[in-house]
Amino acid sequence: MEKFMKEAVKLFLEKSRNRNIMIISHHDTDGITSAAILAKTLKRLDKKFTIKIVKNLDKDFVQHLDDSNLIIFLDLGSSLL
């Protein structure tokens, strides 16, 4: 498991080089908390990021996301799409 996690971190750091990271998270307590934890981590890594807190996902919202960003969804169940 540790080897897999190290590979995932390496891939993330490569993919996020010179790209803005968009964190999209649920508007409840655990969604906001997970976004804050990730934001703190990204800040320590000196990464550029934005945070969008949403009530739910819909097709229109997803279709209008800027695909030049590296997008991370947090605390959004797959049943929301």
Protein backbone atom coordinates (compact mmCIF):
# COMPACT_ATOMS: atom_id res chain seq x y z
CA MET A 1 0.00 0.00 0.00
CA GLU A 2 2.83 2.41 0.83
CA LYS A 3 4.42 1.82 -2.58
CA PHE A 4 1.10 2.56 -4.32
CA MET A 5 0.66 5.78 -2.32
CA LYS A 6 4.18 6.97 -3.15
CA GLU A 7 3.51 6.33 -6.85
CA ALA A 8 0.21 8.23 -6.62
CA VAL A 9 1.92 11.20 -4.95
CA LYS A 10 4.64 11.23 -7.60
CA LEU A 11 2.03 11.18 -10.39
CA PHE A 12 0.02 13.95 -8.72
CA LEU A 13 3.10 16.16 -8.37
CA GLU A 14 3.97 15.60 -12.03
CA LYS A 15 0.41 16.28 -13.29
CA SER A 16 0.01 19.38 -11.12
CA ARG A 17 3.24 21.04 -12.23
CA ASN A 18 2.46 24.53 -13.59
CA ARG A 19 -1.30 23.95 -13.38
CA ASN A 20 -3.97 25.44 -11.18
CA ILE A 21 -5.72 22.90 -8.98
CA MET A 22 -9.45 23.30 -8.50
CA ILE A 23 -10.86 21.73 -5.35
CA ILE A 24 -14.61 21.12 -5.57
CA SER A 25 -16.21 19.94 -2.36
CA HIS A 26 -19.60 19.47 -0.72
CA HIS A 27 -21.09 22.27 1.36
CA ASP A 28 -21.46 20.21 4.53
CA THR A 29 -19.08 20.14 7.49
CA ASP A 30 -16.96 17.21 6.35
CA GLY A 31 -16.76 18.56 2.80
CA ILE A 32 -15.56 21.97 3.94
CA THR A 33 -13.13 20.37 6.41
CA SER A 34 -11.65 18.06 3.77
CA ALA A 35 -11.24 21.02 1.39
CA ALA A 36 -9.45 22.99 4.13
CA ILE A 37 -7.10 20.09 4.90
CA LEU A 38 -6.24 19.66 1.22
CA ALA A 39 -5.79 23.43 0.81
CA LYS A 40 -3.32 23.49 3.70
CA THR A 41 -1.39 20.61 2.12
CA LEU A 42 -1.32 22.28 -1.30
CA LYS A 43 -0.18 25.54 0.27
CA ARG A 44 2.74 23.70 1.91
CA LEU A 45 3.60 22.27 -1.53
CA ASP A 46 3.46 25.82 -2.98
CA LYS A 47 0.70 24.81 -5.42
CA LYS A 48 -1.79 27.23 -6.97
CA PHE A 49 -5.38 26.28 -6.18
CA THR A 50 -8.94 27.48 -5.92
CA ILE A 51 -11.78 26.06 -3.86
CA LYS A 52 -15.41 25.79 -4.92
CA ILE A 53 -17.95 24.62 -2.34
CA VAL A 54 -21.14 23.25 -3.92
CA LYS A 55 -24.46 21.90 -2.72
CA ASN A 56 -24.53 19.26 -5.45
CA LEU A 57 -23.25 18.48 -8.91
CA ASP A 58 -25.29 18.76 -12.05
CA LYS A 59 -24.50 18.08 -15.68
CA ASP A 60 -24.30 21.79 -16.60
CA PHE A 61 -21.83 22.56 -13.80
CA VAL A 62 -19.54 19.68 -14.73
CA GLN A 63 -19.64 20.50 -18.45
CA HIS A 64 -18.53 24.08 -17.77
CA LEU A 65 -15.47 23.22 -15.69
CA ASP A 66 -12.20 24.59 -17.04
CA ASP A 67 -10.32 21.49 -18.18
CA SER A 68 -6.98 23.31 -18.00
CA ASN A 69 -7.31 22.91 -14.22
CA LEU A 70 -6.45 19.75 -12.36
CA ILE A 71 -9.82 19.06 -10.70
CA ILE A 72 -10.19 17.25 -7.39
CA PHE A 73 -13.66 16.34 -6.11
CA LEU A 74 -14.05 15.86 -2.36
CA ASP A 75 -16.97 14.49 -0.37
CA LEU A 76 -19.28 14.35 -3.38
CA GLY A 77 -21.02 11.01 -3.73
CA SER A 78 -21.31 9.54 -7.18
CA SER A 79 -25.08 9.56 -6.80
CA LEU A 80 -25.00 13.37 -7.05
CA LEU A 81 -24.16 13.29 -10.76
